[in-house]
């Protein structure tokens, strides 16, 4: 099975570090920023209670698979880092690798890029 067809639970494992990015849409304060690096601290588990605002509004669970996360560091500006990140190949469209879940076309980002992001988180 190709990596792009694998489910998130197969791609993200305990001990991995995941980096979250907030798109500018609907977020004035954190839009366009990396908002944290978190270590995956558990196996995936199924939860049948609404967690996210859209789930609460709709009264149903849309995202049942969850994992526990431990914060590593929080908040860095993507616009400042994008020119220095090797996974951002098209510097004229730096947002392209952030589209989709997980980002970067479902490929891990290079270790050097992850270290650059984590080192610039405050």
PDB file of N, CA and C in Angstrom:
ATOM      1  N   UNK A   1       0.852  -1.180   0.000  1.00  0.00           N
ATOM      2  CA  UNK A   1       0.000   0.000   0.000  1.00  0.00           C
ATOM      3  C   UNK A   1       0.895   1.240   0.000  1.00  0.00           C
ATOM      4  N   UNK A   2       0.618   2.186  -0.865  1.00  0.00           N
ATOM      5  CA  UNK A   2       1.401   3.424  -0.959  1.00  0.00           C
ATOM      6  C   UNK A   2       1.204   4.265   0.288  1.00  0.00           C
ATOM      7  N   UNK A   3       2.254   5.019   0.665  1.00  0.00           N
ATOM      8  CA  UNK A   3       2.181   5.848   1.873  1.00  0.00           C
ATOM      9  C   UNK A   3       1.009   6.811   1.812  1.00  0.00           C
ATOM     10  N   UNK A   4       0.688   7.336   0.631  1.00  0.00           N
ATOM     11  CA  UNK A   4      -0.400   8.309   0.538  1.00  0.00           C
ATOM     12  C   UNK A   4      -1.754   7.685   0.829  1.00  0.00           C
ATOM     13  N   UNK A   5      -1.861   6.359   0.752  1.00  0.00           N
ATOM     14  CA  UNK A   5      -3.125   5.681   1.017  1.00  0.00           C
ATOM     15  C   UNK A   5      -3.234   5.152   2.447  1.00  0.00           C
ATOM     16  N   UNK A   6      -2.158   5.231   3.183  1.00  0.00           N
ATOM     17  CA  UNK A   6      -2.197   4.718   4.561  1.00  0.00           C
ATOM     18  C   UNK A   6      -2.956   5.659   5.468  1.00  0.00           C
ATOM     19  N   UNK A   7      -3.592   5.093   6.444  1.00  0.00           N
ATOM     20  CA  UNK A   7      -4.328   5.881   7.421  1.00  0.00           C
ATOM     21  C   UNK A   7      -3.348   6.525   8.399  1.00  0.00           C
ATOM     22  N   UNK A   8      -3.746   7.637   8.980  1.00  0.00           N
ATOM     23  CA  UNK A   8      -2.904   8.370   9.935  1.00  0.00           C
ATOM     24  C   UNK A   8      -2.359   7.451  11.027  1.00  0.00           C
ATOM     25  N   UNK A   9      -3.160   6.511  11.476  1.00  0.00           N
ATOM     26  CA  UNK A   9      -2.716   5.616  12.553  1.00  0.00           C
ATOM     27  C   UNK A   9      -1.528   4.760  12.136  1.00  0.00           C
ATOM     28  N   UNK A  10      -1.372   4.534  10.855  1.00  0.00           N
ATOM     29  CA  UNK A  10      -0.225   3.767  10.371  1.00  0.00           C
ATOM     30  C   UNK A  10       0.993   4.651  10.146  1.00  0.00           C
ATOM     31  N   UNK A  11       0.771   5.946   9.954  1.00  0.00           N
ATOM     32  CA  UNK A  11       1.863   6.873   9.677  1.00  0.00           C
ATOM     33  C   UNK A  11       2.486   7.452  10.936  1.00  0.00           C
ATOM     34  N   UNK A  12       1.672   7.676  11.959  1.00  0.00           N
ATOM     35  CA  UNK A  12       2.131   8.351  13.177  1.00  0.00           C
ATOM     36  C   UNK A  12       2.127   7.348  14.324  1.00  0.00           C
ATOM     37  N   UNK A  13       3.304   7.148  14.908  1.00  0.00           N
ATOM     38  CA  UNK A  13       3.500   6.127  15.944  1.00  0.00           C
ATOM     39  C   UNK A  13       3.976   6.752  17.257  1.00  0.00           C
ATOM     40  N   UNK A  14       3.796   6.049  18.392  1.00  0.00           N
ATOM     41  CA  UNK A  14       4.327   6.549  19.660  1.00  0.00           C
ATOM     42  C   UNK A  14       5.821   6.848  19.546  1.00  0.00           C
ATOM     43  N   UNK A  15       6.227   7.979  20.118  1.00  0.00           N
ATOM     44  CA  UNK A  15       7.619   8.421  20.070  1.00  0.00           C
ATOM     45  C   UNK A  15       7.880   9.412  18.951  1.00  0.00           C
ATOM     46  N   UNK A  16       7.039   9.419  17.905  1.00  0.00           N
ATOM     47  CA  UNK A  16       7.191  10.403  16.827  1.00  0.00           C
ATOM     48  C   UNK A  16       6.935  11.799  17.372  1.00  0.00           C
ATOM     49  N   UNK A  17       7.524  12.788  16.734  1.00  0.00           N
ATOM     50  CA  UNK A  17       7.229  14.179  17.055  1.00  0.00           C
ATOM     51  C   UNK A  17       6.416  14.734  15.898  1.00  0.00           C
ATOM     52  N   UNK A  18       5.246  15.292  16.213  1.00  0.00           N
ATOM     53  CA  UNK A  18       4.404  15.910  15.198  1.00  0.00           C
ATOM     54  C   UNK A  18       4.444  17.418  15.394  1.00  0.00           C
ATOM     55  N   UNK A  19       4.421  18.139  14.274  1.00  0.00           N
ATOM     56  CA  UNK A  19       4.480  19.597  14.306  1.00  0.00           C
ATOM     57  C   UNK A  19       3.177  20.112  13.709  1.00  0.00           C
ATOM     58  N   UNK A  20       2.474  20.963  14.448  1.00  0.00           N
ATOM     59  CA  UNK A  20       1.187  21.484  14.005  1.00  0.00           C
ATOM     60  C   UNK A  20       1.340  22.889  13.430  1.00  0.00           C
ATOM     61  N   UNK A  21       0.592  23.151  12.367  1.00  0.00           N
ATOM     62  CA  UNK A  21       0.572  24.432  11.685  1.00  0.00           C
ATOM     63  C   UNK A  21      -0.876  24.900  11.610  1.00  0.00           C
ATOM     64  N   UNK A  22      -1.126  26.194  11.866  1.00  0.00           N
ATOM     65  CA  UNK A  22      -2.470  26.762  11.749  1.00  0.00           C
ATOM     66  C   UNK A  22      -2.528  27.593  10.477  1.00  0.00           C
ATOM     67  N   UNK A  23      -3.444  27.217   9.594  1.00  0.00           N
ATOM     68  CA  UNK A  23      -3.656  28.001   8.377  1.00  0.00           C
ATOM     69  C   UNK A  23      -4.224  29.356   8.776  1.00  0.00           C
ATOM     70  N   UNK A  24      -4.030  30.345   7.951  1.00  0.00           N
ATOM     71  CA  UNK A  24      -4.486  31.698   8.281  1.00  0.00           C
ATOM     72  C   UNK A  24      -6.001  31.804   8.324  1.00  0.00           C
ATOM     73  N   UNK A  25      -6.692  30.971   7.615  1.00  0.00           N
ATOM     74  CA  UNK A  25      -8.150  31.006   7.561  1.00  0.00           C
ATOM     75  C   UNK A  25      -8.738  30.954   8.980  1.00  0.00           C
ATOM     76  N   UNK A  26      -9.517  31.937   9.323  1.00  0.00           N
ATOM     77  CA  UNK A  26     -10.251  32.002  10.599  1.00  0.00           C
ATOM     78  C   UNK A  26      -9.374  32.081  11.849  1.00  0.00           C
ATOM     79  N   UNK A  27      -8.127  32.440  11.729  1.00  0.00           N
ATOM     80  CA  UNK A  27      -7.283  32.549  12.910  1.00  0.00           C
ATOM     81  C   UNK A  27      -6.391  33.778  12.785  1.00  0.00           C
ATOM     82  N   UNK A  28      -6.747  34.828  13.501  1.00  0.00           N
ATOM     83  CA  UNK A  28      -5.973  36.072  13.421  1.00  0.00           C
ATOM     84  C   UNK A  28      -4.680  35.995  14.209  1.00  0.00           C
ATOM     85  N   UNK A  29      -4.716  35.387  15.379  1.00  0.00           N
ATOM     86  CA  UNK A  29      -3.558  35.397  16.256  1.00  0.00           C
ATOM     87  C   UNK A  29      -2.526  34.325  15.892  1.00  0.00           C
ATOM     88  N   UNK A  30      -2.981  33.119  15.549  1.00  0.00           N
ATOM     89  CA  UNK A  30      -2.041  32.029  15.304  1.00  0.00           C
ATOM     90  C   UNK A  30      -1.930  31.621  13.841  1.00  0.00           C
ATOM     91  N   UNK A  31      -2.734  32.190  12.963  1.00  0.00           N
ATOM     92  CA  UNK A  31      -2.685  31.836  11.554  1.00  0.00           C
ATOM     93  C   UNK A  31      -1.314  32.084  10.945  1.00  0.00           C
ATOM     94  N   UNK A  32      -0.838  31.122  10.163  1.00  0.00           N
ATOM     95  CA  UNK A  32       0.466  31.242   9.536  1.00  0.00           C
ATOM     96  C   UNK A  32       1.613  30.906  10.463  1.00  0.00           C
ATOM     97  N   UNK A  33       1.324  30.213  11.562  1.00  0.00           N
ATOM     98  CA  UNK A  33       2.371  29.876  12.529  1.00  0.00           C
ATOM     99  C   UNK A  33       2.385  28.371  12.807  1.00  0.00           C
ATOM    100  N   UNK A  34       3.576  27.857  13.068  1.00  0.00           N
ATOM    101  CA  UNK A  34       3.673  26.533  13.661  1.00  0.00           C
ATOM    102  C   UNK A  34       3.255  26.735  15.106  1.00  0.00           C
ATOM    103  N   UNK A  35       2.380  25.914  15.618  1.00  0.00           N
ATOM    104  CA  UNK A  35       1.874  26.138  16.966  1.00  0.00           C
ATOM    105  C   UNK A  35       2.312  25.063  17.954  1.00  0.00           C
ATOM    106  N   UNK A  36       3.275  24.310  17.569  1.00  0.00           N
ATOM    107  CA  UNK A  36       3.833  23.406  18.553  1.00  0.00           C
ATOM    108  C   UNK A  36       4.385  22.133  17.968  1.00  0.00           C
ATOM    109  N   UNK A  37       5.317  21.596  18.703  1.00  0.00           N
ATOM    110  CA  UNK A  37       5.855  20.268  18.426  1.00  0.00           C
ATOM    111  C   UNK A  37       5.436  19.411  19.613  1.00  0.00           C
ATOM    112  N   UNK A  38       4.854  18.278  19.308  1.00  0.00           N
ATOM    113  CA  UNK A  38       4.337  17.386  20.341  1.00  0.00           C
ATOM    114  C   UNK A  38       4.844  15.981  20.087  1.00  0.00           C
ATOM    115  N   UNK A  39       5.180  15.278  21.163  1.00  0.00           N
ATOM    116  CA  UNK A  39       5.597  13.881  21.068  1.00  0.00           C
ATOM    117  C   UNK A  39       4.353  13.015  21.220  1.00  0.00           C
ATOM    118  N   UNK A  40       4.206  12.030  20.345  1.00  0.00           N
ATOM    119  CA  UNK A  40       3.099  11.089  20.425  1.00  0.00           C
ATOM    120  C   UNK A  40       3.374  10.181  21.621  1.00  0.00           C
ATOM    121  N   UNK A  41       2.459  10.211  22.603  1.00  0.00           N
ATOM    122  CA  UNK A  41       2.711   9.556  23.881  1.00  0.00           C
ATOM    123  C   UNK A  41       1.877   8.302  24.115  1.00  0.00           C
ATOM    124  N   UNK A  42       1.092   7.891  23.128  1.00  0.00           N
ATOM    125  CA  UNK A  42       0.290   6.680  23.316  1.00  0.00           C
ATOM    126  C   UNK A  42      -0.006   6.053  21.963  1.00  0.00           C
ATOM    127  N   UNK A  43      -0.523   4.849  22.039  1.00  0.00           N
ATOM    128  CA  UNK A  43      -1.070   4.214  20.843  1.00  0.00           C
ATOM    129  C   UNK A  43      -2.363   4.948  20.496  1.00  0.00           C
ATOM    130  N   UNK A  44      -2.860   4.744  19.295  1.00  0.00           N
ATOM    131  CA  UNK A  44      -4.141   5.320  18.894  1.00  0.00           C
ATOM    132  C   UNK A  44      -5.260   4.593  19.623  1.00  0.00           C
ATOM    133  N   UNK A  45      -6.311   5.330  19.971  1.00  0.00           N
ATOM    134  CA  UNK A  45      -7.485   4.724  20.607  1.00  0.00           C
ATOM    135  C   UNK A  45      -8.736   5.377  20.036  1.00  0.00           C
ATOM    136  N   UNK A  46      -9.835   4.660  20.136  1.00  0.00           N
ATOM    137  CA  UNK A  46     -11.110   5.157  19.617  1.00  0.00           C
ATOM    138  C   UNK A  46     -11.890   5.802  20.751  1.00  0.00           C
ATOM    139  N   UNK A  47     -12.444   6.967  20.490  1.00  0.00           N
ATOM    140  CA  UNK A  47     -13.241   7.713  21.483  1.00  0.00           C
ATOM    141  C   UNK A  47     -14.564   8.061  20.830  1.00  0.00           C
ATOM    142  N   UNK A  48     -15.644   7.840  21.547  1.00  0.00           N
ATOM    143  CA  UNK A  48     -16.976   8.076  20.996  1.00  0.00           C
ATOM    144  C   UNK A  48     -17.672   9.288  21.600  1.00  0.00           C
ATOM    145  N   UNK A  49     -16.897  10.199  22.187  1.00  0.00           N
ATOM    146  CA  UNK A  49     -17.456  11.457  22.700  1.00  0.00           C
ATOM    147  C   UNK A  49     -16.950  12.604  21.836  1.00  0.00           C
ATOM    148  N   UNK A  50     -17.831  13.551  21.465  1.00  0.00           N
ATOM    149  CA  UNK A  50     -17.370  14.710  20.689  1.00  0.00           C
ATOM    150  C   UNK A  50     -16.272  15.467  21.438  1.00  0.00           C
ATOM    151  N   UNK A  51     -15.258  15.901  20.698  1.00  0.00           N
ATOM    152  CA  UNK A  51     -14.147  16.640  21.281  1.00  0.00           C
ATOM    153  C   UNK A  51     -14.012  18.016  20.648  1.00  0.00           C
ATOM    154  N   UNK A  52     -14.061  18.099  19.330  1.00  0.00           N
ATOM    155  CA  UNK A  52     -13.805  19.325  18.591  1.00  0.00           C
ATOM    156  C   UNK A  52     -15.076  20.160  18.457  1.00  0.00           C
ATOM    157  N   UNK A  53     -14.932  21.490  18.308  1.00  0.00           N
ATOM    158  CA  UNK A  53     -16.115  22.362  18.216  1.00  0.00           C
ATOM    159  C   UNK A  53     -17.110  21.946  17.137  1.00  0.00           C
ATOM    160  N   UNK A  54     -16.616  21.530  15.959  1.00  0.00           N
ATOM    161  CA  UNK A  54     -17.561  21.123  14.909  1.00  0.00           C
ATOM    162  C   UNK A  54     -18.310  19.852  15.294  1.00  0.00           C
ATOM    163  N   UNK A  55     -17.672  18.969  16.033  1.00  0.00           N
ATOM    164  CA  UNK A  55     -18.354  17.762  16.506  1.00  0.00           C
ATOM    165  C   UNK A  55     -19.437  18.123  17.521  1.00  0.00           C
ATOM    166  N   UNK A  56     -19.106  19.025  18.447  1.00  0.00           N
ATOM    167  CA  UNK A  56     -20.080  19.448  19.461  1.00  0.00           C
ATOM    168  C   UNK A  56     -21.283  20.122  18.802  1.00  0.00           C
ATOM    169  N   UNK A  57     -21.023  20.982  17.813  1.00  0.00           N
ATOM    170  CA  UNK A  57     -22.121  21.656  17.100  1.00  0.00           C
ATOM    171  C   UNK A  57     -23.043  20.666  16.402  1.00  0.00           C
ATOM    172  N   UNK A  58     -22.444  19.665  15.779  1.00  0.00           N
ATOM    173  CA  UNK A  58     -23.215  18.696  15.007  1.00  0.00           C
ATOM    174  C   UNK A  58     -23.743  17.547  15.857  1.00  0.00           C
ATOM    175  N   UNK A  59     -23.266  17.440  17.105  1.00  0.00           N
ATOM    176  CA  UNK A  59     -23.728  16.382  18.001  1.00  0.00           C
ATOM    177  C   UNK A  59     -23.308  14.990  17.569  1.00  0.00           C
ATOM    178  N   UNK A  60     -22.156  14.896  16.899  1.00  0.00           N
ATOM    179  CA  UNK A  60     -21.670  13.583  16.474  1.00  0.00           C
ATOM    180  C   UNK A  60     -20.144  13.583  16.428  1.00  0.00           C
ATOM    181  N   UNK A  61     -19.582  12.401  16.559  1.00  0.00           N
ATOM    182  CA  UNK A  61     -18.128  12.242  16.508  1.00  0.00           C
ATOM    183  C   UNK A  61     -17.710  12.066  15.047  1.00  0.00           C
ATOM    184  N   UNK A  62     -16.890  12.995  14.574  1.00  0.00           N
ATOM    185  CA  UNK A  62     -16.381  12.934  13.201  1.00  0.00           C
ATOM    186  C   UNK A  62     -14.946  12.405  13.161  1.00  0.00           C
ATOM    187  N   UNK A  63     -14.240  12.558  14.271  1.00  0.00           N
ATOM    188  CA  UNK A  63     -12.822  12.175  14.348  1.00  0.00           C
ATOM    189  C   UNK A  63     -12.641  11.240  15.549  1.00  0.00           C
ATOM    190  N   UNK A  64     -12.992   9.969  15.399  1.00  0.00           N
ATOM    191  CA  UNK A  64     -12.988   9.068  16.554  1.00  0.00           C
ATOM    192  C   UNK A  64     -11.611   8.583  16.990  1.00  0.00           C
ATOM    193  N   UNK A  65     -10.617   8.616  16.103  1.00  0.00           N
ATOM    194  CA  UNK A  65      -9.298   8.088  16.454  1.00  0.00           C
ATOM    195  C   UNK A  65      -8.417   9.184  17.023  1.00  0.00           C
ATOM    196  N   UNK A  66      -7.895   8.914  18.206  1.00  0.00           N
ATOM    197  CA  UNK A  66      -7.100   9.905  18.943  1.00  0.00           C
ATOM    198  C   UNK A  66      -5.856   9.261  19.529  1.00  0.00           C
ATOM    199  N   UNK A  67      -4.922  10.105  19.904  1.00  0.00           N
ATOM    200  CA  UNK A  67      -3.709   9.667  20.588  1.00  0.00           C
ATOM    201  C   UNK A  67      -3.352  10.732  21.608  1.00  0.00           C
ATOM    202  N   UNK A  68      -2.642  10.372  22.624  1.00  0.00           N
ATOM    203  CA  UNK A  68      -2.204  11.352  23.620  1.00  0.00           C
ATOM    204  C   UNK A  68      -0.918  12.005  23.133  1.00  0.00           C
ATOM    205  N   UNK A  69      -0.799  13.305  23.406  1.00  0.00           N
ATOM    206  CA  UNK A  69       0.372  14.072  22.991  1.00  0.00           C
ATOM    207  C   UNK A  69       1.003  14.761  24.189  1.00  0.00           C
ATOM    208  N   UNK A  70       2.316  14.894  24.153  1.00  0.00           N
ATOM    209  CA  UNK A  70       3.050  15.650  25.173  1.00  0.00           C
ATOM    210  C   UNK A  70       3.730  16.826  24.472  1.00  0.00           C
ATOM    211  N   UNK A  71       3.524  18.070  24.966  1.00  0.00           N
ATOM    212  CA  UNK A  71       4.155  19.214  24.296  1.00  0.00           C
ATOM    213  C   UNK A  71       5.671  19.174  24.410  1.00  0.00           C
ATOM    214  N   UNK A  72       6.323  19.557  23.319  1.00  0.00           N
ATOM    215  CA  UNK A  72       7.780  19.713  23.303  1.00  0.00           C
ATOM    216  C   UNK A  72       8.088  21.205  23.364  1.00  0.00           C
ATOM    217  N   UNK A  73       7.578  21.981  22.394  1.00  0.00           N
ATOM    218  CA  UNK A  73       7.716  23.444  22.369  1.00  0.00           C
ATOM    219  C   UNK A  73       6.535  24.021  21.608  1.00  0.00           C
ATOM    220  N   UNK A  74       6.299  25.331  21.766  1.00  0.00           N
ATOM    221  CA  UNK A  74       5.133  25.966  21.165  1.00  0.00           C
ATOM    222  C   UNK A  74       5.462  27.231  20.382  1.00  0.00           C
ATOM    223  N   UNK A  75       4.842  27.474  19.258  1.00  0.00           N
ATOM    224  CA  UNK A  75       4.734  28.650  18.390  1.00  0.00           C
ATOM    225  C   UNK A  75       6.022  29.138  17.707  1.00  0.00           C
ATOM    226  N   UNK A  76       5.995  29.103  16.368  1.00  0.00           N
ATOM    227  CA  UNK A  76       7.039  29.694  15.508  1.00  0.00           C
ATOM    228  C   UNK A  76       6.360  30.189  14.245  1.00  0.00           C
ATOM    229  N   UNK A  77       6.858  31.261  13.667  1.00  0.00           N
ATOM    230  CA  UNK A  77       6.261  31.858  12.479  1.00  0.00           C
ATOM    231  C   UNK A  77       6.727  31.125  11.221  1.00  0.00           C
ATOM    232  N   UNK A  78       5.787  30.535  10.515  1.00  0.00           N
ATOM    233  CA  UNK A  78       6.099  29.766   9.305  1.00  0.00           C
ATOM    234  C   UNK A  78       6.707  30.649   8.218  1.00  0.00           C
ATOM    235  N   UNK A  79       6.161  31.855   8.047  1.00  0.00           N
ATOM    236  CA  UNK A  79       6.663  32.751   7.010  1.00  0.00           C
ATOM    237  C   UNK A  79       8.144  33.060   7.167  1.00  0.00           C
ATOM    238  N   UNK A  80       8.601  33.150   8.398  1.00  0.00           N
ATOM    239  CA  UNK A  80      10.026  33.416   8.644  1.00  0.00           C
ATOM    240  C   UNK A  80      10.890  32.183   8.375  1.00  0.00           C
ATOM    241  N   UNK A  81      10.343  30.993   8.619  1.00  0.00           N
ATOM    242  CA  UNK A  81      11.128  29.767   8.468  1.00  0.00           C
ATOM    243  C   UNK A  81      11.073  29.155   7.072  1.00  0.00           C
ATOM    244  N   UNK A  82       9.985  29.369   6.334  1.00  0.00           N
ATOM    245  CA  UNK A  82       9.789  28.708   5.036  1.00  0.00           C
ATOM    246  C   UNK A  82      10.987  28.831   4.089  1.00  0.00           C
ATOM    247  N   UNK A  83      11.615  30.001   3.970  1.00  0.00           N
ATOM    248  CA  UNK A  83      12.758  30.090   3.043  1.00  0.00           C
ATOM    249  C   UNK A  83      13.927  29.184   3.432  1.00  0.00           C
ATOM    250  N   UNK A  84      14.003  28.775   4.683  1.00  0.00           N
ATOM    251  CA  UNK A  84      15.114  27.958   5.164  1.00  0.00           C
ATOM    252  C   UNK A  84      14.778  26.471   5.243  1.00  0.00           C
ATOM    253  N   UNK A  85      13.519  26.089   4.939  1.00  0.00           N
ATOM    254  CA  UNK A  85      13.082  24.697   5.061  1.00  0.00           C
ATOM    255  C   UNK A  85      13.256  23.969   3.726  1.00  0.00           C
ATOM    256  N   UNK A  86      13.973  22.860   3.742  1.00  0.00           N
ATOM    257  CA  UNK A  86      14.241  22.127   2.495  1.00  0.00           C
ATOM    258  C   UNK A  86      12.990  21.458   1.933  1.00  0.00           C
ATOM    259  N   UNK A  87      12.011  21.107   2.774  1.00  0.00           N
ATOM    260  CA  UNK A  87      10.813  20.459   2.246  1.00  0.00           C
ATOM    261  C   UNK A  87       9.904  21.443   1.516  1.00  0.00           C
ATOM    262  N   UNK A  88      10.153  22.743   1.666  1.00  0.00           N
ATOM    263  CA  UNK A  88       9.413  23.762   0.920  1.00  0.00           C
ATOM    264  C   UNK A  88      10.178  23.969  -0.389  1.00  0.00           C
ATOM    265  N   UNK A  89       9.851  23.164  -1.382  1.00  0.00           N
ATOM    266  CA  UNK A  89      10.575  23.169  -2.649  1.00  0.00           C
ATOM    267  C   UNK A  89      10.212  24.394  -3.481  1.00  0.00           C
ATOM    268  N   UNK A  90       8.929  24.708  -3.579  1.00  0.00           N
ATOM    269  CA  UNK A  90       8.469  25.859  -4.370  1.00  0.00           C
ATOM    270  C   UNK A  90       8.347  27.063  -3.444  1.00  0.00           C
ATOM    271  N   UNK A  91       9.381  27.877  -3.391  1.00  0.00           N
ATOM    272  CA  UNK A  91       9.407  29.015  -2.467  1.00  0.00           C
ATOM    273  C   UNK A  91       8.372  30.075  -2.833  1.00  0.00           C
ATOM    274  N   UNK A  92       7.825  30.037  -4.066  1.00  0.00           N
ATOM    275  CA  UNK A  92       6.770  30.976  -4.464  1.00  0.00           C
ATOM    276  C   UNK A  92       5.411  30.529  -3.937  1.00  0.00           C
ATOM    277  N   UNK A  93       5.291  29.255  -3.571  1.00  0.00           N
ATOM    278  CA  UNK A  93       4.057  28.699  -3.002  1.00  0.00           C
ATOM    279  C   UNK A  93       4.408  27.935  -1.732  1.00  0.00           C
ATOM    280  N   UNK A  94       4.939  28.617  -0.713  1.00  0.00           N
ATOM    281  CA  UNK A  94       5.417  27.908   0.470  1.00  0.00           C
ATOM    282  C   UNK A  94       4.314  27.192   1.258  1.00  0.00           C
ATOM    283  N   UNK A  95       3.057  27.565   1.034  1.00  0.00           N
ATOM    284  CA  UNK A  95       1.962  26.930   1.765  1.00  0.00           C
ATOM    285  C   UNK A  95       1.611  25.551   1.212  1.00  0.00           C
ATOM    286  N   UNK A  96       2.039  25.210   0.000  1.00  0.00           N
ATOM    287  CA  UNK A  96       1.649  23.957  -0.656  1.00  0.00           C
ATOM    288  C   UNK A  96       1.902  22.706   0.190  1.00  0.00           C
ATOM    289  N   UNK A  97       3.075  22.540   0.814  1.00  0.00           N
ATOM    290  CA  UNK A  97       3.278  21.312   1.585  1.00  0.00           C
ATOM    291  C   UNK A  97       2.469  21.242   2.879  1.00  0.00           C
ATOM    292  N   UNK A  98       1.784  22.324   3.238  1.00  0.00           N
ATOM    293  CA  UNK A  98       1.007  22.329   4.478  1.00  0.00           C
ATOM    294  C   UNK A  98      -0.448  21.933   4.255  1.00  0.00           C
ATOM    295  N   UNK A  99      -0.816  21.746   3.010  1.00  0.00           N
ATOM    296  CA  UNK A  99      -2.190  21.372   2.686  1.00  0.00           C
ATOM    297  C   UNK A  99      -2.345  19.869   2.885  1.00  0.00           C
ATOM    298  N   UNK A 100      -3.446  19.469   3.508  1.00  0.00           N
ATOM    299  CA  UNK A 100      -3.719  18.050   3.735  1.00  0.00           C
ATOM    300  C   UNK A 100      -3.275  17.602   5.105  1.00  0.00           C
ATOM    301  N   UNK A 101      -3.692  16.403   5.463  1.00  0.00           N
ATOM    302  CA  UNK A 101      -3.359  15.837   6.763  1.00  0.00           C
ATOM    303  C   UNK A 101      -2.902  14.409   6.570  1.00  0.00           C
ATOM    304  N   UNK A 102      -1.715  14.036   7.010  1.00  0.00           N
ATOM    305  CA  UNK A 102      -0.693  14.957   7.483  1.00  0.00           C
ATOM    306  C   UNK A 102      -0.105  15.751   6.321  1.00  0.00           C
ATOM    307  N   UNK A 103       0.540  16.845   6.647  1.00  0.00           N
ATOM    308  CA  UNK A 103       1.112  17.725   5.642  1.00  0.00           C
ATOM    309  C   UNK A 103       2.306  17.109   4.926  1.00  0.00           C
ATOM    310  N   UNK A 104       2.937  17.910   4.099  1.00  0.00           N
ATOM    311  CA  UNK A 104       4.089  17.519   3.289  1.00  0.00           C
ATOM    312  C   UNK A 104       3.796  16.281   2.447  1.00  0.00           C
ATOM    313  N   UNK A 105       2.581  16.261   1.880  1.00  0.00           N
ATOM    314  CA  UNK A 105       2.200  15.171   0.973  1.00  0.00           C
ATOM    315  C   UNK A 105       2.304  13.807   1.653  1.00  0.00           C
ATOM    316  N   UNK A 106       2.007  13.792   2.950  1.00  0.00           N
ATOM    317  CA  UNK A 106       2.014  12.578   3.773  1.00  0.00           C
ATOM    318  C   UNK A 106       3.414  11.956   3.928  1.00  0.00           C
ATOM    319  N   UNK A 107       4.450  12.777   3.741  1.00  0.00           N
ATOM    320  CA  UNK A 107       5.823  12.310   3.925  1.00  0.00           C
ATOM    321  C   UNK A 107       6.402  12.976   5.166  1.00  0.00           C
ATOM    322  N   UNK A 108       7.255  12.277   5.900  1.00  0.00           N
ATOM    323  CA  UNK A 108       7.929  12.940   7.020  1.00  0.00           C
ATOM    324  C   UNK A 108       8.783  14.086   6.490  1.00  0.00           C
ATOM    325  N   UNK A 109       8.902  15.151   7.270  1.00  0.00           N
ATOM    326  CA  UNK A 109       9.801  16.221   6.860  1.00  0.00           C
ATOM    327  C   UNK A 109      11.220  15.823   7.259  1.00  0.00           C
ATOM    328  N   UNK A 110      12.218  16.311   6.546  1.00  0.00           N
ATOM    329  CA  UNK A 110      13.599  15.949   6.882  1.00  0.00           C
ATOM    330  C   UNK A 110      13.950  16.338   8.327  1.00  0.00           C
ATOM    331  N   UNK A 111      14.777  15.527   8.940  1.00  0.00           N
ATOM    332  CA  UNK A 111      15.177  15.751  10.339  1.00  0.00           C
ATOM    333  C   UNK A 111      15.728  17.161  10.545  1.00  0.00           C
ATOM    334  N   UNK A 112      16.540  17.656   9.620  1.00  0.00           N
ATOM    335  CA  UNK A 112      17.105  19.003   9.755  1.00  0.00           C
ATOM    336  C   UNK A 112      16.024  20.075   9.775  1.00  0.00           C
ATOM    337  N   UNK A 113      14.975  19.904   8.947  1.00  0.00           N
ATOM    338  CA  UNK A 113      13.867  20.857   8.951  1.00  0.00           C
ATOM    339  C   UNK A 113      13.110  20.786  10.270  1.00  0.00           C
ATOM    340  N   UNK A 114      12.873  19.568  10.756  1.00  0.00           N
ATOM    341  CA  UNK A 114      12.173  19.410  12.045  1.00  0.00           C
ATOM    342  C   UNK A 114      12.963  20.084  13.161  1.00  0.00           C
ATOM    343  N   UNK A 115      14.270  19.897  13.164  1.00  0.00           N
ATOM    344  CA  UNK A 115      15.111  20.527  14.191  1.00  0.00           C
ATOM    345  C   UNK A 115      15.063  22.053  14.082  1.00  0.00           C
ATOM    346  N   UNK A 116      15.090  22.569  12.850  1.00  0.00           N
ATOM    347  CA  UNK A 116      15.002  24.029  12.648  1.00  0.00           C
ATOM    348  C   UNK A 116      13.687  24.563  13.213  1.00  0.00           C
ATOM    349  N   UNK A 117      12.588  23.897  12.895  1.00  0.00           N
ATOM    350  CA  UNK A 117      11.281  24.329  13.411  1.00  0.00           C
ATOM    351  C   UNK A 117      11.255  24.264  14.929  1.00  0.00           C
ATOM    352  N   UNK A 118      11.651  23.126  15.486  1.00  0.00           N
ATOM    353  CA  UNK A 118      11.605  22.952  16.951  1.00  0.00           C
ATOM    354  C   UNK A 118      12.508  23.966  17.637  1.00  0.00           C
ATOM    355  N   UNK A 119      13.702  24.207  17.098  1.00  0.00           N
ATOM    356  CA  UNK A 119      14.608  25.177  17.707  1.00  0.00           C
ATOM    357  C   UNK A 119      14.087  26.608  17.653  1.00  0.00           C
ATOM    358  N   UNK A 120      13.183  26.888  16.714  1.00  0.00           N
ATOM    359  CA  UNK A 120      12.619  28.241  16.598  1.00  0.00           C
ATOM    360  C   UNK A 120      11.280  28.383  17.303  1.00  0.00           C
ATOM    361  N   UNK A 121      10.745  27.306  17.837  1.00  0.00           N
ATOM    362  CA  UNK A 121       9.534  27.404  18.637  1.00  0.00           C
ATOM    363  C   UNK A 121       9.896  28.062  19.962  1.00  0.00           C
ATOM    364  N   UNK A 122       8.981  28.865  20.464  1.00  0.00           N
ATOM    365  CA  UNK A 122       9.258  29.591  21.713  1.00  0.00           C
ATOM    366  C   UNK A 122       8.585  28.925  22.879  1.00  0.00           C
TER     367      UNK A 122
END
